[in-house]
Amino acid sequence: MHHHPPKLSHCPTDTYSVVGERISWTVPKATDNVGIRDLWLEPRVSDGSRIGPGEHMFRYVAEDCHSNKAECRFLVSVKISESGWPTELKSRTQTDTSVIIGTVLNTINVPF
């Protein structure tokens, strides 16, 4: 019996955004020596989905062919304004209209 869970690499990092921005990230890569049965995102969202202000925890779960699972989690923090953010996040220019992490494979619209 195979008891080793899959490995996930390149998990998205925590993201800070202001309402109205478009958030994107790269889907992590799942590997396992017996093969990956499935890789999914929870909560399940599709491209163009909208989320409101607040702290939103997402996780990718990978399952191998022997039902072993691994996961990685990341936070998407949506604020109404940049007030209270770390200095490095406030330094974004006013012309920035999106937060993009890696290749755009998953996109969520943050409503105004």
N, C-alpha and C. Protein backbone atom coordinates (compact mmCIF):
# COMPACT_ATOMS: atom_id res chain seq x y z
N MET A 1 0.85 -1.19 0.00
CA MET A 1 0.00 0.00 0.00
C MET A 1 0.89 1.24 0.00
N HIS A 2 0.51 2.21 -0.78
CA HIS A 2 1.25 3.48 -0.91
C HIS A 2 0.71 4.48 0.12
N HIS A 3 1.59 4.97 1.01
CA HIS A 3 1.15 5.88 2.07
C HIS A 3 1.74 7.28 1.95
N HIS A 4 2.42 7.57 0.86
CA HIS A 4 3.06 8.88 0.72
C HIS A 4 2.13 9.85 0.01
N PRO A 5 1.86 11.02 0.64
CA PRO A 5 0.98 11.99 -0.01
C PRO A 5 1.67 12.66 -1.20
N PRO A 6 0.89 13.25 -2.07
CA PRO A 6 1.47 13.99 -3.19
C PRO A 6 2.26 15.19 -2.67
N LYS A 7 3.02 15.79 -3.56
CA LYS A 7 3.75 17.01 -3.22
C LYS A 7 3.18 18.14 -4.07
N LEU A 8 2.97 19.29 -3.43
CA LEU A 8 2.50 20.48 -4.12
C LEU A 8 3.63 21.50 -4.14
N SER A 9 3.90 22.06 -5.29
CA SER A 9 4.91 23.11 -5.39
C SER A 9 4.30 24.35 -6.02
N HIS A 10 4.89 25.46 -5.72
CA HIS A 10 4.46 26.76 -6.25
C HIS A 10 3.06 27.14 -5.79
N CYS A 11 2.79 26.94 -4.50
CA CYS A 11 1.50 27.35 -3.95
C CYS A 11 1.39 28.87 -4.01
N PRO A 12 0.23 29.41 -4.36
CA PRO A 12 0.08 30.87 -4.39
C PRO A 12 0.40 31.48 -3.02
N THR A 13 0.93 32.69 -3.04
CA THR A 13 1.22 33.40 -1.80
C THR A 13 0.00 34.21 -1.38
N ASP A 14 0.00 34.62 -0.11
CA ASP A 14 -1.08 35.47 0.38
C ASP A 14 -1.12 36.74 -0.47
N THR A 15 -2.33 37.22 -0.74
CA THR A 15 -2.53 38.36 -1.63
C THR A 15 -3.39 39.41 -0.94
N TYR A 16 -2.99 40.67 -1.10
CA TYR A 16 -3.76 41.80 -0.60
C TYR A 16 -4.31 42.55 -1.80
N SER A 17 -5.58 42.93 -1.74
CA SER A 17 -6.21 43.62 -2.86
C SER A 17 -7.22 44.62 -2.34
N VAL A 18 -7.55 45.59 -3.20
CA VAL A 18 -8.58 46.57 -2.92
C VAL A 18 -9.77 46.24 -3.81
N VAL A 19 -11.00 46.50 -3.32
CA VAL A 19 -12.17 46.21 -4.14
C VAL A 19 -12.02 46.84 -5.52
N GLY A 20 -12.45 46.12 -6.52
CA GLY A 20 -12.35 46.58 -7.90
C GLY A 20 -11.17 46.02 -8.66
N GLU A 21 -10.20 45.44 -7.94
CA GLU A 21 -9.03 44.88 -8.61
C GLU A 21 -9.30 43.45 -9.08
N ARG A 22 -8.47 43.01 -9.98
CA ARG A 22 -8.52 41.64 -10.51
C ARG A 22 -7.36 40.88 -9.87
N ILE A 23 -7.65 39.73 -9.31
CA ILE A 23 -6.65 38.92 -8.61
C ILE A 23 -6.38 37.67 -9.43
N SER A 24 -5.12 37.35 -9.64
CA SER A 24 -4.76 36.16 -10.41
C SER A 24 -3.63 35.41 -9.73
N TRP A 25 -3.55 34.12 -9.96
CA TRP A 25 -2.44 33.33 -9.46
C TRP A 25 -2.24 32.12 -10.35
N THR A 26 -1.10 31.48 -10.17
CA THR A 26 -0.77 30.27 -10.90
C THR A 26 -1.22 29.05 -10.10
N VAL A 27 -1.86 28.12 -10.74
CA VAL A 27 -2.27 26.88 -10.09
C VAL A 27 -1.01 26.11 -9.71
N PRO A 28 -0.91 25.60 -8.46
CA PRO A 28 0.29 24.86 -8.07
C PRO A 28 0.44 23.57 -8.86
N LYS A 29 1.66 23.04 -8.85
CA LYS A 29 1.95 21.78 -9.54
C LYS A 29 1.90 20.65 -8.52
N ALA A 30 1.18 19.59 -8.84
CA ALA A 30 1.07 18.42 -7.97
C ALA A 30 1.82 17.26 -8.61
N THR A 31 2.65 16.59 -7.82
CA THR A 31 3.39 15.42 -8.30
C THR A 31 3.28 14.28 -7.29
N ASP A 32 3.38 13.06 -7.78
CA ASP A 32 3.35 11.89 -6.93
C ASP A 32 3.87 10.71 -7.75
N ASN A 33 4.55 9.77 -7.08
CA ASN A 33 5.14 8.65 -7.83
C ASN A 33 4.11 7.63 -8.32
N VAL A 34 2.86 7.67 -7.82
CA VAL A 34 1.83 6.76 -8.33
C VAL A 34 0.80 7.49 -9.19
N GLY A 35 0.97 8.78 -9.36
CA GLY A 35 0.06 9.55 -10.21
C GLY A 35 -0.94 10.37 -9.42
N ILE A 36 -1.32 11.49 -9.99
CA ILE A 36 -2.30 12.38 -9.37
C ILE A 36 -3.68 12.07 -9.94
N ARG A 37 -4.62 11.81 -9.06
CA ARG A 37 -6.01 11.56 -9.46
C ARG A 37 -6.75 12.87 -9.69
N ASP A 38 -6.51 13.86 -8.78
CA ASP A 38 -7.26 15.11 -8.88
C ASP A 38 -6.52 16.22 -8.16
N LEU A 39 -6.73 17.43 -8.63
CA LEU A 39 -6.24 18.65 -7.98
C LEU A 39 -7.38 19.65 -8.06
N TRP A 40 -7.82 20.16 -6.90
CA TRP A 40 -8.94 21.09 -6.91
C TRP A 40 -8.72 22.24 -5.93
N LEU A 41 -9.49 23.30 -6.15
CA LEU A 41 -9.44 24.50 -5.33
C LEU A 41 -10.69 24.55 -4.46
N GLU A 42 -10.51 24.87 -3.18
CA GLU A 42 -11.63 25.08 -2.26
C GLU A 42 -11.49 26.47 -1.65
N PRO A 43 -12.54 27.26 -1.56
CA PRO A 43 -13.82 26.97 -2.18
C PRO A 43 -13.69 26.98 -3.69
N ARG A 44 -14.56 26.25 -4.33
CA ARG A 44 -14.51 26.16 -5.80
C ARG A 44 -14.98 27.48 -6.39
N VAL A 45 -14.10 28.12 -7.14
CA VAL A 45 -14.42 29.36 -7.84
C VAL A 45 -13.95 29.21 -9.28
N SER A 46 -14.60 29.91 -10.16
CA SER A 46 -14.20 29.85 -11.56
C SER A 46 -13.68 31.21 -11.99
N ASP A 47 -13.01 31.24 -13.14
CA ASP A 47 -12.52 32.50 -13.67
C ASP A 47 -13.67 33.49 -13.76
N GLY A 48 -13.40 34.71 -13.33
CA GLY A 48 -14.42 35.74 -13.37
C GLY A 48 -15.31 35.79 -12.14
N SER A 49 -15.10 34.88 -11.18
CA SER A 49 -15.89 34.90 -9.95
C SER A 49 -15.61 36.19 -9.19
N ARG A 50 -16.56 36.60 -8.37
CA ARG A 50 -16.40 37.81 -7.57
C ARG A 50 -16.42 37.46 -6.09
N ILE A 51 -15.55 38.13 -5.33
CA ILE A 51 -15.56 37.99 -3.88
C ILE A 51 -15.57 39.39 -3.28
N GLY A 52 -16.21 39.54 -2.14
CA GLY A 52 -16.32 40.83 -1.50
C GLY A 52 -15.21 41.09 -0.50
N PRO A 53 -15.26 42.24 0.17
CA PRO A 53 -14.25 42.57 1.16
C PRO A 53 -14.21 41.53 2.28
N GLY A 54 -13.02 41.32 2.81
CA GLY A 54 -12.83 40.39 3.91
C GLY A 54 -11.61 39.52 3.70
N GLU A 55 -11.43 38.57 4.60
CA GLU A 55 -10.32 37.62 4.55
C GLU A 55 -10.87 36.31 3.98
N HIS A 56 -10.32 35.87 2.88
CA HIS A 56 -10.81 34.67 2.21
C HIS A 56 -9.68 33.64 2.14
N MET A 57 -9.88 32.50 2.80
CA MET A 57 -8.88 31.43 2.79
C MET A 57 -9.21 30.47 1.66
N PHE A 58 -8.20 30.21 0.84
CA PHE A 58 -8.33 29.24 -0.25
C PHE A 58 -7.34 28.11 -0.01
N ARG A 59 -7.63 26.96 -0.57
CA ARG A 59 -6.67 25.86 -0.49
C ARG A 59 -6.78 25.01 -1.74
N TYR A 60 -5.63 24.55 -2.18
CA TYR A 60 -5.57 23.56 -3.25
C TYR A 60 -5.35 22.21 -2.58
N VAL A 61 -6.08 21.21 -3.03
CA VAL A 61 -5.95 19.85 -2.52
C VAL A 61 -5.57 18.95 -3.69
N ALA A 62 -4.52 18.16 -3.49
CA ALA A 62 -4.10 17.17 -4.49
C ALA A 62 -4.35 15.79 -3.90
N GLU A 63 -4.89 14.89 -4.73
CA GLU A 63 -5.15 13.52 -4.30
C GLU A 63 -4.48 12.57 -5.29
N ASP A 64 -3.73 11.60 -4.74
CA ASP A 64 -3.07 10.65 -5.63
C ASP A 64 -3.97 9.44 -5.88
N CYS A 65 -3.49 8.51 -6.66
CA CYS A 65 -4.29 7.35 -7.06
C CYS A 65 -4.57 6.38 -5.92
N HIS A 66 -3.95 6.59 -4.74
CA HIS A 66 -4.22 5.76 -3.57
C HIS A 66 -4.98 6.55 -2.51
N SER A 67 -5.58 7.67 -2.91
CA SER A 67 -6.40 8.52 -2.03
C SER A 67 -5.62 9.27 -0.96
N ASN A 68 -4.30 9.34 -1.07
CA ASN A 68 -3.51 10.18 -0.18
C ASN A 68 -3.67 11.62 -0.65
N LYS A 69 -3.73 12.55 0.31
CA LYS A 69 -3.97 13.95 -0.04
C LYS A 69 -2.90 14.87 0.55
N ALA A 70 -2.69 15.97 -0.14
CA ALA A 70 -1.84 17.05 0.34
C ALA A 70 -2.55 18.36 0.01
N GLU A 71 -2.24 19.40 0.76
CA GLU A 71 -2.88 20.68 0.49
C GLU A 71 -1.92 21.83 0.73
N CYS A 72 -2.24 22.95 0.11
CA CYS A 72 -1.55 24.19 0.41
C CYS A 72 -2.62 25.27 0.51
N ARG A 73 -2.41 26.20 1.44
CA ARG A 73 -3.39 27.25 1.71
C ARG A 73 -2.80 28.62 1.43
N PHE A 74 -3.68 29.53 1.05
CA PHE A 74 -3.26 30.92 0.90
C PHE A 74 -4.46 31.83 1.16
N LEU A 75 -4.15 33.04 1.59
CA LEU A 75 -5.16 34.01 1.98
C LEU A 75 -5.30 35.07 0.91
N VAL A 76 -6.52 35.44 0.59
CA VAL A 76 -6.80 36.59 -0.26
C VAL A 76 -7.52 37.60 0.63
N SER A 77 -6.85 38.71 0.91
CA SER A 77 -7.40 39.76 1.76
C SER A 77 -7.90 40.89 0.89
N VAL A 78 -9.19 41.17 0.95
CA VAL A 78 -9.79 42.22 0.13
C VAL A 78 -10.23 43.34 1.07
N LYS A 79 -9.72 44.53 0.83
CA LYS A 79 -10.03 45.70 1.66
C LYS A 79 -10.77 46.74 0.82
N ILE A 80 -11.47 47.62 1.51
CA ILE A 80 -12.14 48.73 0.84
C ILE A 80 -11.12 49.81 0.49
N SER A 81 -10.09 49.96 1.34
CA SER A 81 -9.02 50.92 1.07
C SER A 81 -7.70 50.31 1.53
N GLU A 82 -6.59 51.00 1.25
CA GLU A 82 -5.28 50.49 1.64
C GLU A 82 -4.92 50.86 3.07
N SER A 83 -5.80 51.48 3.80
CA SER A 83 -5.56 51.88 5.18
C SER A 83 -5.21 50.65 6.03
N GLY A 84 -4.15 50.76 6.81
CA GLY A 84 -3.74 49.67 7.68
C GLY A 84 -2.88 48.61 7.02
N TRP A 85 -2.56 48.79 5.74
CA TRP A 85 -1.70 47.83 5.06
C TRP A 85 -0.24 48.07 5.39
N PRO A 86 0.61 47.06 5.25
CA PRO A 86 2.06 47.26 5.38
C PRO A 86 2.54 48.28 4.34
N THR A 87 3.60 49.02 4.68
CA THR A 87 4.12 50.08 3.81
C THR A 87 4.41 49.61 2.40
N GLU A 88 5.00 48.42 2.24
CA GLU A 88 5.35 47.95 0.90
C GLU A 88 4.12 47.74 0.02
N LEU A 89 2.98 47.45 0.62
CA LEU A 89 1.77 47.30 -0.17
C LEU A 89 1.16 48.65 -0.53
N LYS A 90 1.30 49.64 0.36
CA LYS A 90 0.78 50.97 0.08
C LYS A 90 1.55 51.66 -1.03
N SER A 91 2.78 51.24 -1.28
CA SER A 91 3.63 51.92 -2.26
C SER A 91 3.24 51.60 -3.70
N ARG A 92 2.24 50.77 -3.92
CA ARG A 92 1.78 50.50 -5.28
C ARG A 92 1.32 51.81 -5.90
N THR A 93 1.56 52.00 -7.17
CA THR A 93 1.16 53.24 -7.82
C THR A 93 -0.33 53.24 -8.09
N GLN A 94 -0.89 54.41 -8.26
CA GLN A 94 -2.31 54.54 -8.54
C GLN A 94 -2.69 53.91 -9.87
N THR A 95 -1.73 53.75 -10.78
CA THR A 95 -2.06 53.17 -12.09
C THR A 95 -2.16 51.65 -12.04
N ASP A 96 -1.73 51.04 -10.92
CA ASP A 96 -1.88 49.59 -10.80
C ASP A 96 -3.37 49.26 -10.78
N THR A 97 -3.78 48.33 -11.63
CA THR A 97 -5.19 47.94 -11.66
C THR A 97 -5.37 46.46 -11.35
N SER A 98 -4.29 45.76 -11.08
CA SER A 98 -4.44 44.34 -10.81
C SER A 98 -3.32 43.84 -9.93
N VAL A 99 -3.57 42.71 -9.33
CA VAL A 99 -2.56 41.98 -8.59
C VAL A 99 -2.39 40.67 -9.34
N ILE A 100 -1.22 40.44 -9.92
CA ILE A 100 -1.00 39.24 -10.72
C ILE A 100 0.14 38.45 -10.10
N ILE A 101 -0.11 37.19 -9.84
CA ILE A 101 0.91 36.30 -9.30
C ILE A 101 1.19 35.25 -10.34
N GLY A 102 2.36 35.31 -10.97
CA GLY A 102 2.72 34.31 -11.98
C GLY A 102 1.84 34.41 -13.21
N THR A 103 1.71 33.32 -13.90
CA THR A 103 0.90 33.24 -15.11
C THR A 103 -0.58 33.24 -14.73
N VAL A 104 -1.37 33.97 -15.46
CA VAL A 104 -2.79 34.06 -15.15
C VAL A 104 -3.48 32.75 -15.53
N LEU A 105 -3.84 31.98 -14.52
CA LEU A 105 -4.56 30.73 -14.75
C LEU A 105 -5.87 30.71 -13.97
N ASN A 106 -5.90 31.42 -12.86
CA ASN A 106 -7.13 31.55 -12.07
C ASN A 106 -7.32 33.02 -11.80
N THR A 107 -8.51 33.54 -12.04
CA THR A 107 -8.78 34.96 -11.85
C THR A 107 -10.06 35.13 -11.07
N ILE A 108 -10.02 36.04 -10.13
CA ILE A 108 -11.21 36.38 -9.36
C ILE A 108 -11.40 37.88 -9.46
N ASN A 109 -12.59 38.34 -9.80
CA ASN A 109 -12.90 39.77 -9.80
C ASN A 109 -13.37 40.17 -8.42
N VAL A 110 -12.85 41.27 -7.93
CA VAL A 110 -13.28 41.80 -6.65
C VAL A 110 -14.27 42.92 -6.94
N PRO A 111 -15.53 42.80 -6.51
CA PRO A 111 -16.54 43.79 -6.89
C PRO A 111 -16.27 45.15 -6.26
N PHE A 112 -16.77 46.18 -6.93
CA PHE A 112 -16.65 47.55 -6.41
C PHE A 112 -17.60 47.73 -5.25
